Amino acid sequence: MLRQRHDDHTTVLRRLDVLSAPLIVLSAVSIAFGPDVGDGIAGAWVDRFEIALSILFSAEYAVRLYLGGRRYALSFYGVIDLLAGVPGLLILAGGHEMLAIRILRLFRLLALLKLGRFGRATARLGAALHSVRDEFALLAAAVGIMLFLAAIGIRHFEAEVQPEHFSTFVDCLWWAVVSLTTVGYGDVYPITAGGKAFAAITLLVSLGIVAAPAGLIAAALSAQENPRKEHGETGP
């Protein structure tokens, strides 16, 4: 009997996933293009649509909370559903201009990952990231130290000759972030010989640190995939 009840709950949740998918996309479209409609008749219909979505998303959250209980409420998607659904009802009390609350419903797009194979792929990715969390923490600390040292160093070389770009730590930190992530906007760059040499050394040292997360994720996903192959599982 308990197994039958569990299967019934699972069926209901899967149907909710499928039924909510088009509403999730429509909600994002409404948030993106709603402000362009204006305050005329079309704007009034957009407002009604927003209210309807708020009610539907909140009702969905209530159903999931009833079926899943505390475990669902404290889960990742439980928090996402709460952010996307319940705050939407505040639009009724706060008005059409509560942009921050409306943007929260963009979190609903993450729920699309639960559908079909994407749900399984997301679970594997989550497990892979969890397995290398200590390594990521170490890399995050290393990146923070590199950014700090790069900002301090470039300020030492460039502050006197380019005070408009490197006079404050925040300006130097901006250069460090743009450079270490290899974005390179080109708006700020060293012009002294010492600054150029320091930048070159910093970039060479940081390349491995910046690229390491991709290697960690690939290795962790591979480790997740090997047991599945050993058990004869296929598919995404």
C-alpha atoms as a PDB file:
ATOM      1  CA  MET A   1       0.000   0.000   0.000  1.00  0.00           C
ATOM      2  CA  LEU A   2       2.825   2.373   0.865  1.00  0.00           C
ATOM      3  CA  ARG A   3       4.543   1.521  -2.399  1.00  0.00           C
ATOM      4  CA  GLN A   4       1.346   2.216  -4.329  1.00  0.00           C
ATOM      5  CA  ARG A   5       1.007   5.558  -2.580  1.00  0.00           C
ATOM      6  CA  HIS A   6       4.612   6.418  -3.416  1.00  0.00           C
ATOM      7  CA  ASP A   7       4.045   5.516  -7.069  1.00  0.00           C
ATOM      8  CA  ASP A   8       0.923   7.690  -7.164  1.00  0.00           C
ATOM      9  CA  HIS A   9       2.837  10.628  -5.715  1.00  0.00           C
ATOM     10  CA  THR A  10       5.626  10.132  -8.240  1.00  0.00           C
ATOM     11  CA  THR A  11       3.116  10.104 -11.093  1.00  0.00           C
ATOM     12  CA  VAL A  12       1.525  13.320  -9.863  1.00  0.00           C
ATOM     13  CA  LEU A  13       4.908  15.035  -9.550  1.00  0.00           C
ATOM     14  CA  ARG A  14       5.954  13.987 -13.046  1.00  0.00           C
ATOM     15  CA  ARG A  15       2.718  15.320 -14.476  1.00  0.00           C
ATOM     16  CA  LEU A  16       3.282  18.578 -12.636  1.00  0.00           C
ATOM     17  CA  ASP A  17       6.736  18.823 -14.215  1.00  0.00           C
ATOM     18  CA  VAL A  18       5.307  18.342 -17.694  1.00  0.00           C
ATOM     19  CA  LEU A  19       2.343  20.679 -17.195  1.00  0.00           C
ATOM     20  CA  SER A  20       4.451  23.429 -15.645  1.00  0.00           C
ATOM     21  CA  ALA A  21       7.072  23.428 -18.416  1.00  0.00           C
ATOM     22  CA  PRO A  22       5.150  25.641 -20.890  1.00  0.00           C
ATOM     23  CA  LEU A  23       4.087  27.938 -18.046  1.00  0.00           C
ATOM     24  CA  ILE A  24       7.735  28.350 -17.048  1.00  0.00           C
ATOM     25  CA  VAL A  25       8.675  29.439 -20.556  1.00  0.00           C
ATOM     26  CA  LEU A  26       5.661  31.733 -20.858  1.00  0.00           C
ATOM     27  CA  SER A  27       6.547  33.331 -17.534  1.00  0.00           C
ATOM     28  CA  ALA A  28      10.065  34.107 -18.748  1.00  0.00           C
ATOM     29  CA  VAL A  29       8.686  35.536 -22.003  1.00  0.00           C
ATOM     30  CA  SER A  30       6.255  37.681 -20.038  1.00  0.00           C
ATOM     31  CA  ILE A  31       9.038  39.039 -17.833  1.00  0.00           C
ATOM     32  CA  ALA A  32      11.205  39.771 -20.873  1.00  0.00           C
ATOM     33  CA  PHE A  33       8.625  41.450 -23.100  1.00  0.00           C
ATOM     34  CA  GLY A  34       6.008  42.610 -20.598  1.00  0.00           C
ATOM     35  CA  PRO A  35       7.589  46.047 -20.031  1.00  0.00           C
ATOM     36  CA  ASP A  36       7.563  46.655 -23.807  1.00  0.00           C
ATOM     37  CA  VAL A  37       3.807  46.214 -24.069  1.00  0.00           C
ATOM     38  CA  GLY A  38       2.878  49.406 -22.251  1.00  0.00           C
ATOM     39  CA  ASP A  39      -0.138  50.273 -20.137  1.00  0.00           C
ATOM     40  CA  GLY A  40      -2.887  49.858 -22.726  1.00  0.00           C
ATOM     41  CA  ILE A  41      -5.207  46.941 -23.340  1.00  0.00           C
ATOM     42  CA  ALA A  42      -2.282  44.627 -24.051  1.00  0.00           C
ATOM     43  CA  GLY A  43      -0.646  45.688 -20.800  1.00  0.00           C
ATOM     44  CA  ALA A  44      -3.820  44.868 -18.885  1.00  0.00           C
ATOM     45  CA  TRP A  45      -3.854  41.375 -20.387  1.00  0.00           C
ATOM     46  CA  VAL A  46      -0.213  40.916 -19.410  1.00  0.00           C
ATOM     47  CA  ASP A  47      -1.111  41.900 -15.850  1.00  0.00           C
ATOM     48  CA  ARG A  48      -3.922  39.338 -15.777  1.00  0.00           C
ATOM     49  CA  PHE A  49      -1.577  36.714 -17.169  1.00  0.00           C
ATOM     50  CA  GLU A  50       0.994  37.513 -14.466  1.00  0.00           C
ATOM     51  CA  ILE A  51      -1.646  37.137 -11.765  1.00  0.00           C
ATOM     52  CA  ALA A  52      -2.818  33.819 -13.230  1.00  0.00           C
ATOM     53  CA  LEU A  53       0.754  32.507 -13.340  1.00  0.00           C
ATOM     54  CA  SER A  54       1.314  33.582  -9.744  1.00  0.00           C
ATOM     55  CA  ILE A  55      -1.744  31.639  -8.614  1.00  0.00           C
ATOM     56  CA  LEU A  56      -0.815  28.543 -10.648  1.00  0.00           C
ATOM     57  CA  PHE A  57       2.792  28.482  -9.462  1.00  0.00           C
ATOM     58  CA  SER A  58       1.735  28.951  -5.851  1.00  0.00           C
ATOM     59  CA  ALA A  59      -0.838  26.158  -6.175  1.00  0.00           C
ATOM     60  CA  GLU A  60       1.827  23.895  -7.653  1.00  0.00           C
ATOM     61  CA  TYR A  61       4.156  24.664  -4.750  1.00  0.00           C
ATOM     62  CA  ALA A  62       1.373  23.834  -2.287  1.00  0.00           C
ATOM     63  CA  VAL A  63       0.773  20.456  -3.965  1.00  0.00           C
ATOM     64  CA  ARG A  64       4.470  19.608  -4.001  1.00  0.00           C
ATOM     65  CA  LEU A  65       4.821  20.674  -0.383  1.00  0.00           C
ATOM     66  CA  TYR A  66       1.882  18.475   0.612  1.00  0.00           C
ATOM     67  CA  LEU A  67       3.331  15.454  -1.193  1.00  0.00           C
ATOM     68  CA  GLY A  68       6.982  16.006  -0.342  1.00  0.00           C
ATOM     69  CA  GLY A  69       6.774  17.561   3.090  1.00  0.00           C
ATOM     70  CA  ARG A  70       9.820  18.978   4.810  1.00  0.00           C
ATOM     71  CA  ARG A  71      12.217  17.057   2.593  1.00  0.00           C
ATOM     72  CA  TYR A  72      10.870  18.836  -0.469  1.00  0.00           C
ATOM     73  CA  ALA A  73      10.706  22.230   1.252  1.00  0.00           C
ATOM     74  CA  LEU A  74      14.413  22.070   2.141  1.00  0.00           C
ATOM     75  CA  SER A  75      15.532  20.647  -1.200  1.00  0.00           C
ATOM     76  CA  PHE A  76      17.139  22.691  -3.966  1.00  0.00           C
ATOM     77  CA  TYR A  77      14.067  22.653  -6.191  1.00  0.00           C
ATOM     78  CA  GLY A  78      11.819  23.269  -3.212  1.00  0.00           C
ATOM     79  CA  VAL A  79      13.609  26.551  -2.603  1.00  0.00           C
ATOM     80  CA  ILE A  80      13.477  27.359  -6.329  1.00  0.00           C
ATOM     81  CA  ASP A  81       9.731  26.708  -6.426  1.00  0.00           C
ATOM     82  CA  LEU A  82       9.227  28.859  -3.342  1.00  0.00           C
ATOM     83  CA  LEU A  83      11.175  31.750  -4.843  1.00  0.00           C
ATOM     84  CA  ALA A  84       9.310  31.434  -8.118  1.00  0.00           C
ATOM     85  CA  GLY A  85       5.795  30.812  -6.890  1.00  0.00           C
ATOM     86  CA  VAL A  86       4.928  32.253  -3.522  1.00  0.00           C
ATOM     87  CA  PRO A  87       6.563  35.692  -3.974  1.00  0.00           C
ATOM     88  CA  GLY A  88       4.609  36.044  -7.189  1.00  0.00           C
ATOM     89  CA  LEU A  89       1.424  36.499  -5.184  1.00  0.00           C
ATOM     90  CA  LEU A  90       2.960  39.625  -3.673  1.00  0.00           C
ATOM     91  CA  ILE A  91       2.435  41.248  -7.058  1.00  0.00           C
ATOM     92  CA  LEU A  92      -1.248  41.350  -6.181  1.00  0.00           C
ATOM     93  CA  ALA A  93      -0.474  43.467  -3.133  1.00  0.00           C
ATOM     94  CA  GLY A  94       2.576  45.363  -4.363  1.00  0.00           C
ATOM     95  CA  GLY A  95       1.568  46.234  -7.890  1.00  0.00           C
ATOM     96  CA  HIS A  96       2.911  45.765 -11.377  1.00  0.00           C
ATOM     97  CA  GLU A  97       6.229  47.510 -10.773  1.00  0.00           C
ATOM     98  CA  MET A  98       7.641  44.956  -8.309  1.00  0.00           C
ATOM     99  CA  LEU A  99      10.304  43.946 -10.820  1.00  0.00           C
ATOM    100  CA  ALA A 100      12.527  42.152  -8.300  1.00  0.00           C
ATOM    101  CA  ILE A 101       9.709  39.815  -7.297  1.00  0.00           C
ATOM    102  CA  ARG A 102       8.791  39.136 -10.916  1.00  0.00           C
ATOM    103  CA  ILE A 103      12.378  38.349 -11.847  1.00  0.00           C
ATOM    104  CA  LEU A 104      12.454  35.725  -9.091  1.00  0.00           C
ATOM    105  CA  ARG A 105      10.198  33.596 -11.270  1.00  0.00           C
ATOM    106  CA  LEU A 106      13.090  33.160 -13.684  1.00  0.00           C
ATOM    107  CA  PHE A 107      14.242  30.525 -11.208  1.00  0.00           C
ATOM    108  CA  ARG A 108      11.394  28.457 -12.618  1.00  0.00           C
ATOM    109  CA  LEU A 109      13.500  27.931 -15.735  1.00  0.00           C
ATOM    110  CA  LEU A 110      15.797  25.747 -13.646  1.00  0.00           C
ATOM    111  CA  ALA A 111      12.880  23.407 -13.038  1.00  0.00           C
ATOM    112  CA  LEU A 112      12.987  22.491 -16.730  1.00  0.00           C
ATOM    113  CA  LEU A 113      16.134  20.540 -15.932  1.00  0.00           C
ATOM    114  CA  LYS A 114      13.999  18.035 -14.035  1.00  0.00           C
ATOM    115  CA  LEU A 115      12.215  16.925 -17.178  1.00  0.00           C
ATOM    116  CA  GLY A 116      13.170  13.632 -18.796  1.00  0.00           C
ATOM    117  CA  ARG A 117      16.833  12.953 -19.349  1.00  0.00           C
ATOM    118  CA  PHE A 118      17.862  16.422 -18.218  1.00  0.00           C
ATOM    119  CA  GLY A 119      16.733  15.493 -14.717  1.00  0.00           C
ATOM    120  CA  ARG A 120      19.086  12.511 -14.636  1.00  0.00           C
ATOM    121  CA  ALA A 121      21.910  14.520 -16.158  1.00  0.00           C
ATOM    122  CA  THR A 122      21.420  17.259 -13.576  1.00  0.00           C
ATOM    123  CA  ALA A 123      21.528  14.693 -10.774  1.00  0.00           C
ATOM    124  CA  ARG A 124      24.820  13.292 -12.081  1.00  0.00           C
ATOM    125  CA  LEU A 125      26.286  16.774 -12.408  1.00  0.00           C
ATOM    126  CA  GLY A 126      25.222  17.602  -8.865  1.00  0.00           C
ATOM    127  CA  ALA A 127      26.786  14.396  -7.551  1.00  0.00           C
ATOM    128  CA  ALA A 128      29.977  15.109  -9.488  1.00  0.00           C
ATOM    129  CA  LEU A 129      30.247  18.638  -8.102  1.00  0.00           C
ATOM    130  CA  HIS A 130      29.595  17.354  -4.590  1.00  0.00           C
ATOM    131  CA  SER A 131      32.386  14.798  -4.918  1.00  0.00           C
ATOM    132  CA  VAL A 132      34.968  17.512  -5.684  1.00  0.00           C
ATOM    133  CA  ARG A 133      33.658  20.183  -3.322  1.00  0.00           C
ATOM    134  CA  ASP A 134      36.873  20.207  -1.277  1.00  0.00           C
ATOM    135  CA  GLU A 135      38.973  20.730  -4.392  1.00  0.00           C
ATOM    136  CA  PHE A 136      36.687  23.547  -5.500  1.00  0.00           C
ATOM    137  CA  ALA A 137      37.026  25.195  -2.105  1.00  0.00           C
ATOM    138  CA  LEU A 138      40.809  25.025  -2.410  1.00  0.00           C
ATOM    139  CA  LEU A 139      40.698  26.451  -5.934  1.00  0.00           C
ATOM    140  CA  ALA A 140      38.374  29.242  -4.826  1.00  0.00           C
ATOM    141  CA  ALA A 141      40.845  30.190  -2.109  1.00  0.00           C
ATOM    142  CA  ALA A 142      43.717  30.086  -4.611  1.00  0.00           C
ATOM    143  CA  VAL A 143      41.814  32.276  -7.067  1.00  0.00           C
ATOM    144  CA  GLY A 144      41.024  34.765  -4.315  1.00  0.00           C
ATOM    145  CA  ILE A 145      44.680  34.959  -3.308  1.00  0.00           C
ATOM    146  CA  MET A 146      45.776  35.356  -6.936  1.00  0.00           C
ATOM    147  CA  LEU A 147      43.288  38.173  -7.518  1.00  0.00           C
ATOM    148  CA  PHE A 148      44.430  39.958  -4.371  1.00  0.00           C
ATOM    149  CA  LEU A 149      48.130  39.658  -5.217  1.00  0.00           C
ATOM    150  CA  ALA A 150      47.535  40.679  -8.835  1.00  0.00           C
ATOM    151  CA  ALA A 151      45.617  43.787  -7.769  1.00  0.00           C
ATOM    152  CA  ILE A 152      48.265  44.800  -5.234  1.00  0.00           C
ATOM    153  CA  GLY A 153      51.123  44.148  -7.657  1.00  0.00           C
ATOM    154  CA  ILE A 154      49.707  46.012 -10.647  1.00  0.00           C
ATOM    155  CA  ARG A 155      48.888  48.963  -8.421  1.00  0.00           C
ATOM    156  CA  HIS A 156      52.527  49.141  -7.360  1.00  0.00           C
ATOM    157  CA  PHE A 157      53.714  49.357 -10.975  1.00  0.00           C
ATOM    158  CA  GLU A 158      50.966  51.409 -12.624  1.00  0.00           C
ATOM    159  CA  ALA A 159      49.391  53.713 -10.029  1.00  0.00           C
ATOM    160  CA  GLU A 160      51.830  56.591 -10.589  1.00  0.00           C
ATOM    161  CA  VAL A 161      51.714  56.602 -14.393  1.00  0.00           C
ATOM    162  CA  GLN A 162      48.009  55.732 -14.753  1.00  0.00           C
ATOM    163  CA  PRO A 163      46.274  57.174 -11.687  1.00  0.00           C
ATOM    164  CA  GLU A 164      42.977  57.339 -13.563  1.00  0.00           C
ATOM    165  CA  HIS A 165      42.979  53.543 -13.960  1.00  0.00           C
ATOM    166  CA  PHE A 166      45.010  52.096 -11.079  1.00  0.00           C
ATOM    167  CA  SER A 167      44.687  54.567  -8.207  1.00  0.00           C
ATOM    168  CA  THR A 168      42.295  52.468  -6.100  1.00  0.00           C
ATOM    169  CA  PHE A 169      42.290  48.834  -5.081  1.00  0.00           C
ATOM    170  CA  VAL A 170      38.873  48.340  -6.684  1.00  0.00           C
ATOM    171  CA  ASP A 171      40.191  49.557 -10.052  1.00  0.00           C
ATOM    172  CA  CYS A 172      43.162  47.223  -9.784  1.00  0.00           C
ATOM    173  CA  LEU A 173      40.936  44.341  -8.756  1.00  0.00           C
ATOM    174  CA  TRP A 174      38.792  44.960 -11.846  1.00  0.00           C
ATOM    175  CA  TRP A 175      41.899  44.646 -14.013  1.00  0.00           C
ATOM    176  CA  ALA A 176      42.890  41.463 -12.179  1.00  0.00           C
ATOM    177  CA  VAL A 177      39.479  39.847 -12.688  1.00  0.00           C
ATOM    178  CA  VAL A 178      39.308  40.773 -16.377  1.00  0.00           C
ATOM    179  CA  SER A 179      42.866  39.592 -16.989  1.00  0.00           C
ATOM    180  CA  LEU A 180      42.822  36.352 -15.003  1.00  0.00           C
ATOM    181  CA  THR A 181      39.551  35.272 -16.606  1.00  0.00           C
ATOM    182  CA  THR A 182      41.148  35.989 -20.021  1.00  0.00           C
ATOM    183  CA  VAL A 183      38.262  38.291 -20.964  1.00  0.00           C
ATOM    184  CA  GLY A 184      40.586  41.185 -21.725  1.00  0.00           C
ATOM    185  CA  TYR A 185      38.262  44.095 -22.501  1.00  0.00           C
ATOM    186  CA  GLY A 186      41.258  46.269 -23.302  1.00  0.00           C
ATOM    187  CA  ASP A 187      39.949  49.291 -21.407  1.00  0.00           C
ATOM    188  CA  VAL A 188      42.697  49.042 -18.775  1.00  0.00           C
ATOM    189  CA  TYR A 189      46.165  47.607 -19.324  1.00  0.00           C
ATOM    190  CA  PRO A 190      49.735  48.144 -18.036  1.00  0.00           C
ATOM    191  CA  ILE A 191      52.070  50.430 -19.968  1.00  0.00           C
ATOM    192  CA  THR A 192      55.235  50.325 -17.855  1.00  0.00           C
ATOM    193  CA  ALA A 193      57.887  47.674 -18.377  1.00  0.00           C
ATOM    194  CA  GLY A 194      57.512  46.444 -14.814  1.00  0.00           C
ATOM    195  CA  GLY A 195      53.730  46.346 -15.121  1.00  0.00           C
ATOM    196  CA  LYS A 196      53.873  44.380 -18.358  1.00  0.00           C
ATOM    197  CA  ALA A 197      56.336  41.876 -16.907  1.00  0.00           C
ATOM    198  CA  PHE A 198      54.242  41.483 -13.771  1.00  0.00           C
ATOM    199  CA  ALA A 199      51.078  41.003 -15.842  1.00  0.00           C
ATOM    200  CA  ALA A 200      52.751  38.362 -18.015  1.00  0.00           C
ATOM    201  CA  ILE A 201      53.990  36.385 -15.012  1.00  0.00           C
ATOM    202  CA  THR A 202      50.617  36.674 -13.277  1.00  0.00           C
ATOM    203  CA  LEU A 203      48.724  35.421 -16.315  1.00  0.00           C
ATOM    204  CA  LEU A 204      51.069  32.472 -16.859  1.00  0.00           C
ATOM    205  CA  VAL A 205      50.801  31.405 -13.229  1.00  0.00           C
ATOM    206  CA  SER A 206      47.036  31.837 -13.099  1.00  0.00           C
ATOM    207  CA  LEU A 207      46.205  29.965 -16.309  1.00  0.00           C
ATOM    208  CA  GLY A 208      46.402  26.595 -14.602  1.00  0.00           C
ATOM    209  CA  ILE A 209      44.302  27.720 -11.659  1.00  0.00           C
ATOM    210  CA  VAL A 210      41.589  29.192 -13.861  1.00  0.00           C
ATOM    211  CA  ALA A 211      41.459  26.106 -16.119  1.00  0.00           C
ATOM    212  CA  ALA A 212      41.533  23.586 -13.262  1.00  0.00           C
ATOM    213  CA  PRO A 213      37.765  23.624 -12.494  1.00  0.00           C
ATOM    214  CA  ALA A 214      36.943  22.356 -15.994  1.00  0.00           C
ATOM    215  CA  GLY A 215      39.338  19.443 -15.523  1.00  0.00           C
ATOM    216  CA  LEU A 216      37.906  18.665 -12.095  1.00  0.00           C
ATOM    217  CA  ILE A 217      34.349  18.589 -13.413  1.00  0.00           C
ATOM    218  CA  ALA A 218      35.333  16.387 -16.364  1.00  0.00           C
ATOM    219  CA  ALA A 219      37.132  13.920 -14.089  1.00  0.00           C
ATOM    220  CA  ALA A 220      34.243  13.841 -11.613  1.00  0.00           C
ATOM    221  CA  LEU A 221      31.684  13.241 -14.376  1.00  0.00           C
ATOM    222  CA  SER A 222      33.856  10.458 -15.759  1.00  0.00           C
ATOM    223  CA  ALA A 223      33.983   8.869 -12.312  1.00  0.00           C
ATOM    224  CA  GLN A 224      30.180   9.088 -12.137  1.00  0.00           C
ATOM    225  CA  GLU A 225      29.842   7.489 -15.572  1.00  0.00           C
ATOM    226  CA  ASN A 226      32.121   4.484 -14.991  1.00  0.00           C
ATOM    227  CA  PRO A 227      29.904   2.754 -12.370  1.00  0.00           C
ATOM    228  CA  ARG A 228      26.904   3.151 -14.700  1.00  0.00           C
ATOM    229  CA  LYS A 229      28.778   1.421 -17.508  1.00  0.00           C
ATOM    230  CA  GLU A 230      29.854  -1.374 -15.172  1.00  0.00           C
ATOM    231  CA  HIS A 231      26.196  -1.986 -14.303  1.00  0.00           C
ATOM    232  CA  GLY A 232      25.189  -1.913 -17.957  1.00  0.00           C
ATOM    233  CA  GLU A 233      23.257   1.373 -17.783  1.00  0.00           C
ATOM    234  CA  THR A 234      22.918   3.396 -20.962  1.00  0.00           C
ATOM    235  CA  GLY A 235      21.381   6.661 -21.991  1.00  0.00           C
ATOM    236  CA  PRO A 236      21.948  10.225 -20.822  1.00  0.00           C
END
